[in-house]
Protein backbone atom coordinates (compact mmCIF):
# COMPACT_ATOMS: atom_id res chain seq x y z
CA MET A 1 28.00 -219.04 -78.61
CA PHE A 2 30.79 -216.43 -79.09
CA ALA A 3 29.24 -213.55 -77.45
CA ASN A 4 28.99 -215.76 -74.32
CA TYR A 5 32.94 -216.66 -74.49
CA LEU A 6 34.03 -213.26 -75.08
CA ILE A 7 32.42 -212.29 -71.71
CA GLY A 8 33.91 -215.29 -69.46
CA LEU A 9 37.13 -214.46 -71.10
CA ARG A 10 37.00 -210.99 -70.15
CA GLU A 11 35.39 -211.18 -67.02
CA GLY A 12 37.41 -214.21 -66.00
CA LEU A 13 41.04 -213.03 -66.79
CA GLU A 14 40.21 -209.37 -65.26
CA ALA A 15 39.33 -212.14 -62.22
CA SER A 16 42.27 -213.89 -62.76
CA LEU A 17 45.46 -210.99 -63.18
CA VAL A 18 44.40 -209.57 -59.75
CA VAL A 19 44.20 -213.04 -58.04
CA CYS A 20 47.73 -212.95 -60.04
CA ILE A 21 48.98 -210.16 -58.70
CA LEU A 22 47.65 -210.82 -54.88
CA ILE A 23 49.44 -214.27 -55.19
CA ALA A 24 52.98 -212.79 -56.64
CA TYR A 25 52.71 -210.30 -54.20
CA LEU A 26 52.27 -212.90 -51.27
CA VAL A 27 55.12 -215.10 -52.39
CA ARG A 28 57.94 -212.26 -53.42
CA THR A 29 57.48 -211.17 -49.69
CA GLU A 30 57.63 -214.21 -48.07
CA ARG A 31 54.60 -214.27 -46.59
CA ARG A 32 53.47 -217.71 -48.05
CA ASP A 33 51.20 -217.70 -44.83
CA ALA A 34 48.67 -215.86 -46.22
CA LEU A 35 47.90 -217.73 -49.15
CA ARG A 36 45.21 -219.80 -47.82
CA PRO A 37 43.08 -216.86 -46.44
CA ILE A 38 43.37 -215.11 -50.45
CA TRP A 39 42.49 -218.85 -51.60
CA ILE A 40 39.39 -218.89 -49.08
CA GLY A 41 38.28 -215.18 -50.47
CA VAL A 42 38.84 -216.22 -53.98
CA GLY A 43 36.71 -219.70 -53.23
CA ALA A 44 33.76 -217.63 -51.34
CA ALA A 45 33.78 -214.67 -54.56
CA VAL A 46 33.16 -217.43 -56.81
CA GLY A 47 30.97 -219.47 -54.59
CA LEU A 48 28.74 -216.08 -54.23
CA ALA A 49 28.99 -215.69 -57.68
CA LEU A 50 27.44 -218.86 -58.85
CA VAL A 51 24.65 -218.91 -56.19
CA PHE A 52 23.32 -215.30 -57.59
CA GLY A 53 23.33 -216.74 -61.33
CA CYS A 54 21.26 -219.70 -59.50
CA VAL A 55 19.00 -217.31 -57.95
CA LEU A 56 18.54 -215.56 -61.07
CA GLU A 57 17.84 -218.58 -63.14
CA PHE A 58 15.52 -220.51 -61.12
CA GLY A 59 13.67 -217.51 -58.81
CA SER A 60 12.44 -215.95 -62.33
CA GLN A 61 11.03 -219.07 -63.09
CA GLU A 62 8.30 -218.85 -60.30
CA MET A 63 7.08 -215.26 -61.71
CA THR A 64 4.37 -214.75 -64.67
CA PHE A 65 5.60 -213.73 -68.49
CA GLU A 66 4.68 -210.40 -67.52
CA ALA A 67 7.39 -210.70 -64.52
CA GLN A 68 9.54 -212.21 -65.97
CA GLU A 69 9.86 -210.18 -68.88
CA ALA A 70 9.65 -206.83 -66.39
CA LEU A 71 12.90 -208.53 -64.41
CA GLY A 72 14.82 -209.54 -67.12
CA GLY A 73 14.22 -206.23 -68.90
CA SER A 74 15.49 -204.44 -66.03
CA LEU A 75 18.34 -206.17 -65.27
CA SER A 76 19.45 -206.24 -69.00
CA ILE A 77 19.74 -202.44 -68.86
CA LEU A 78 21.35 -202.70 -65.49
CA ALA A 79 23.96 -205.44 -66.25
CA VAL A 80 24.94 -203.19 -69.65
CA GLY A 81 25.76 -200.23 -67.26
CA LEU A 82 27.69 -202.20 -65.29
CA VAL A 83 29.37 -203.86 -68.09
CA THR A 84 30.14 -200.28 -69.99
CA TRP A 85 31.12 -199.13 -66.68
CA MET A 86 33.65 -202.23 -66.21
CA VAL A 87 35.27 -201.56 -69.58
CA PHE A 88 36.34 -197.89 -69.15
CA TRP A 89 37.02 -198.59 -65.62
CA MET A 90 39.89 -200.98 -66.85
CA ARG A 91 41.09 -199.43 -69.23
CA ARG A 92 41.26 -196.00 -67.37
CA THR A 93 42.69 -197.69 -63.93
CA ALA A 94 44.28 -200.79 -65.04
CA ARG A 95 47.90 -199.31 -64.90
CA HIS A 96 47.49 -198.35 -61.47
CA LEU A 97 45.97 -201.93 -60.26
CA ARG A 98 48.98 -203.28 -59.27
CA SER A 99 50.05 -201.06 -56.90
CA GLU A 100 46.55 -200.36 -55.39
CA LEU A 101 46.11 -204.20 -55.06
CA HIS A 102 49.84 -203.65 -53.05
CA GLY A 103 48.16 -201.26 -50.71
CA LYS A 104 45.31 -202.82 -49.63
CA LEU A 105 47.14 -206.27 -49.23
CA ASP A 106 49.69 -204.43 -47.33
CA ALA A 107 46.93 -203.00 -44.94
CA ALA A 108 45.30 -206.76 -44.69
CA LEU A 109 48.55 -208.05 -43.70
CA GLN A 110 48.38 -205.82 -40.81
CA LEU A 111 44.80 -206.55 -39.61
CA GLY A 112 44.68 -210.22 -39.65
CA THR A 113 43.49 -213.54 -41.34
CA GLY A 114 39.55 -212.39 -41.80
CA ALA A 115 40.88 -208.86 -43.60
CA LEU A 116 43.00 -210.97 -46.13
CA VAL A 117 39.98 -212.82 -46.82
CA ALA A 118 38.06 -209.86 -47.27
CA THR A 119 40.46 -208.51 -49.32
CA ALA A 120 40.55 -211.38 -51.80
CA PHE A 121 36.56 -211.64 -51.43
CA LEU A 122 36.05 -207.89 -52.65
CA ALA A 123 38.71 -208.25 -55.38
CA VAL A 124 37.15 -210.96 -57.13
CA GLY A 125 33.66 -211.15 -56.13
CA ARG A 126 32.67 -207.77 -58.00
CA GLU A 127 33.65 -209.82 -61.15
CA GLY A 128 31.65 -212.53 -60.66
CA LEU A 129 28.58 -210.55 -59.72
CA GLU A 130 29.00 -208.91 -62.96
CA THR A 131 29.99 -211.87 -65.01
CA SER A 132 26.83 -213.41 -63.78
CA LEU A 133 24.22 -210.82 -64.44
CA PHE A 134 25.65 -210.32 -67.92
CA VAL A 135 25.65 -213.96 -68.86
CA TRP A 136 22.40 -214.36 -67.74
CA THR A 137 21.02 -211.38 -69.21
CA SER A 138 23.14 -212.52 -72.50
CA VAL A 139 22.37 -216.12 -72.15
CA ARG A 140 17.87 -214.69 -72.33
CA ALA A 141 18.87 -212.66 -75.40
CA SER A 142 20.29 -215.19 -77.10
CA GLY A 143 17.05 -217.50 -76.72
CA ASP A 144 17.75 -220.16 -78.54
CA GLY A 145 17.03 -222.68 -76.16
CA THR A 146 20.05 -224.76 -76.38
CA GLU A 147 23.44 -225.49 -73.82
CA GLY A 148 25.30 -223.23 -76.23
CA PRO A 149 25.89 -220.03 -74.22
CA LEU A 150 26.63 -221.41 -71.12
CA ILE A 151 29.32 -223.90 -73.10
CA GLY A 152 30.64 -220.71 -74.19
CA VAL A 153 30.92 -218.85 -70.44
CA LEU A 154 32.50 -222.24 -69.30
CA LEU A 155 35.07 -222.08 -72.37
CA GLY A 156 35.69 -218.65 -71.60
CA LEU A 157 36.51 -218.58 -68.14
CA GLY A 158 38.54 -222.26 -68.48
CA SER A 159 40.82 -220.38 -71.23
CA ALA A 160 41.07 -217.06 -68.51
CA VAL A 161 42.36 -219.21 -65.89
CA VAL A 162 44.42 -220.87 -68.10
CA LEU A 163 45.59 -217.42 -69.16
CA GLY A 164 46.49 -216.21 -65.71
CA TRP A 165 48.47 -219.09 -64.74
CA LEU A 166 50.63 -219.09 -67.99
CA PHE A 167 51.10 -215.08 -67.11
CA TYR A 168 51.70 -216.20 -63.31
CA GLN A 169 54.30 -218.80 -64.55
CA GLY A 170 56.27 -216.21 -67.21
CA ALA A 171 55.37 -218.77 -69.99
CA LEU A 172 52.81 -216.07 -71.74
CA ARG A 173 53.59 -212.42 -73.13
CA ILE A 174 50.83 -210.67 -74.60
CA ASN A 175 49.88 -206.89 -75.46
CA LEU A 176 47.48 -206.56 -72.55
CA SER A 177 46.78 -202.81 -73.86
CA ARG A 178 45.56 -203.95 -77.41
CA PHE A 179 43.60 -207.15 -75.71
CA PHE A 180 41.86 -205.27 -73.31
CA THR A 181 40.51 -203.06 -76.08
CA TRP A 182 39.78 -205.27 -78.44
CA THR A 183 37.87 -207.42 -76.28
CA GLY A 184 36.36 -204.28 -74.62
CA GLY A 185 35.56 -202.71 -78.19
CA MET A 186 33.64 -206.08 -79.23
CA LEU A 187 32.20 -206.22 -75.68
CA VAL A 188 30.02 -202.84 -76.04
CA VAL A 189 28.96 -204.32 -79.46
CA VAL A 190 27.04 -207.41 -77.52
CA ALA A 191 26.03 -205.37 -74.72
CA ALA A 192 24.05 -202.80 -77.50
CA GLY A 193 22.64 -205.94 -78.36
CA VAL A 194 21.56 -207.01 -74.55
CA LEU A 195 20.21 -203.49 -74.38
CA ALA A 196 17.86 -203.69 -77.42
CA TYR A 197 16.58 -206.93 -75.97
CA GLY A 198 16.24 -205.53 -72.56
CA PHE A 199 14.24 -202.83 -73.67
CA HIS A 200 12.08 -205.08 -76.08
CA ASP A 201 11.42 -207.34 -72.66
CA LEU A 202 9.72 -204.13 -71.45
CA GLN A 203 7.70 -203.75 -74.08
CA GLU A 204 6.79 -207.35 -73.98
CA ALA A 205 5.53 -206.44 -70.18
CA ASP A 206 3.50 -203.53 -71.26
CA PHE A 207 6.30 -201.21 -69.45
CA LEU A 208 6.93 -199.38 -72.45
CA PRO A 209 4.64 -199.01 -76.05
CA GLY A 210 5.53 -199.64 -79.34
CA LEU A 211 6.03 -203.39 -79.13
CA THR A 212 4.21 -203.65 -82.43
CA ASP A 213 5.86 -200.68 -84.46
CA LYS A 214 8.51 -202.64 -86.23
CA ALA A 215 11.73 -200.48 -87.69
CA PHE A 216 11.94 -203.29 -90.72
CA ASP A 217 11.40 -207.06 -90.73
CA ILE A 218 13.63 -208.96 -92.85
CA THR A 219 13.29 -212.71 -91.56
CA GLY A 220 12.49 -213.44 -95.11
CA THR A 221 15.94 -212.91 -95.86
CA ILE A 222 17.43 -213.98 -92.65
CA PRO A 223 15.59 -216.84 -91.00
CA PRO A 224 15.93 -216.66 -87.43
CA ASP A 225 16.24 -220.47 -87.55
CA SER A 226 19.24 -220.73 -90.15
CA TRP A 227 22.74 -221.13 -89.69
CA TYR A 228 23.54 -217.35 -90.01
CA GLY A 229 20.55 -216.02 -88.33
CA THR A 230 21.08 -218.10 -85.48
CA LEU A 231 25.06 -216.82 -85.73
CA LEU A 232 24.12 -213.00 -85.81
CA LYS A 233 21.62 -213.76 -82.72
CA GLY A 234 24.65 -215.43 -81.22
CA VAL A 235 27.02 -213.13 -81.96
CA PHE A 236 25.60 -209.72 -81.69
CA ASN A 237 21.91 -210.61 -80.62
CA PHE A 238 20.40 -209.60 -84.11
CA GLN A 239 17.13 -209.42 -84.26
CA ALA A 240 15.17 -209.60 -87.95
CA ASP A 241 12.16 -207.87 -86.82
CA PRO A 242 13.21 -205.32 -84.42
CA THR A 243 10.74 -202.33 -82.90
CA VAL A 244 11.83 -198.74 -83.28
CA LEU A 245 12.16 -198.28 -80.06
CA GLN A 246 15.02 -201.40 -80.18
CA VAL A 247 16.76 -200.08 -83.19
CA THR A 248 16.91 -196.27 -81.66
CA VAL A 249 18.22 -197.42 -78.18
CA TRP A 250 20.77 -199.72 -80.30
CA VAL A 251 22.27 -196.68 -82.38
CA LEU A 252 22.15 -194.16 -79.20
CA TYR A 253 24.06 -197.04 -76.97
CA LEU A 254 26.48 -198.01 -79.48
CA VAL A 255 27.86 -195.03 -81.77
CA PRO A 256 28.92 -192.30 -78.41
CA THR A 257 29.81 -195.37 -76.55
CA LEU A 258 32.39 -196.92 -79.29
CA ALA A 259 33.69 -194.02 -79.76
CA LEU A 260 34.42 -192.47 -76.31
CA PHE A 261 35.85 -196.10 -75.99
CA LEU A 262 38.00 -195.98 -78.95
CA ALA A 263 38.84 -192.31 -79.13
CA PRO A 264 42.96 -192.28 -78.13
CA VAL A 265 42.38 -188.88 -76.08
CA GLY A 266 42.77 -189.12 -72.12
CA PHE A 267 44.67 -192.98 -72.23
CA ALA A 268 48.47 -193.78 -72.42
CA SER A 269 49.81 -195.60 -75.12
CA GLY A 270 50.10 -199.10 -73.90
CA LYS A 271 53.52 -198.88 -73.03
CA GLY A 272 53.79 -199.81 -69.53
CA LYS A 273 54.94 -202.65 -67.84
CA VAL A 274 53.70 -205.01 -65.39
CA LYS A 275 56.08 -207.80 -63.29
CA VAL A 276 54.58 -211.02 -61.65
CA PRO A 277 57.41 -212.47 -59.91
CA ASP A 278 58.00 -215.97 -60.05
CA GLU A 279 57.31 -218.57 -56.82
CA GLN A 280 61.31 -217.67 -56.44
CA GLY A 281 60.87 -213.93 -56.18
CA SER A 282 62.56 -213.85 -58.77
CA ARG A 283 62.52 -210.73 -61.47
CA GLY A 284 59.60 -211.83 -62.87
CA SER A 285 58.14 -211.41 -66.73
CA GLU A 286 56.99 -208.46 -68.10
CA HIS A 287 53.65 -207.83 -69.52
CA THR A 288 52.59 -204.77 -71.28
CA LYS A 289 50.10 -203.45 -69.15
CA ALA A 290 46.40 -202.07 -69.98
CA SER A 291 46.58 -198.58 -71.06
């Protein structure tokens, strides 16, 4: 549940910050007439993400077991690739996100309502599709058959919406650089478990060999149905009897990816500030930018 809460919080907060920047800029420039198209674009992006998630969930139920495992494994690998790109992209470009969005919004204002809708739709839609895909693969990887993972995602998204609103109102200040570093690092750990489980799916679909080659088996020490086994499974997608391929993939992904992500070389120190104007067009409150 915690892993899915983290996914919902991280992805949802990025989308909330995007919406916050767009709305604040329109209010500050006295273009409130453009707010409605922006909200239409945001709503359409959220709707697309929900439809995509439903297609993944219900469409896969009509497949054979082998086809389900092949699809799940392939999408798990794709989801990990997208999430990895996202955490590095956010850390590298977040300091320029505000000016980039303002530029796109200025161009859209000149083109009309349709361009405004498209700008908001594209800005939020990417986050929504990534969230749907990664949540679906993460829920499959947890495989506990409960509603806990879905509840975790919804709580994470709800928290992100509240945080976004507080940012806009200037009532909350947090070190976004530190926040995105910590959550990004934890998300890389979660992604490593999803990737390993994806390769296990491909083994079960007979796409890859080695399903019976176990790296170790500690189910006697950490029973999968115990509270701590369930906790490890839900947070890290831990498996007490993984295959050699799973462990190899997990190590080869986690160690270099986490080392590169946490490396200070090439990244700012996080001292930049981002201003989010309030509805009266005042100076707004300053929030630390993600580096």
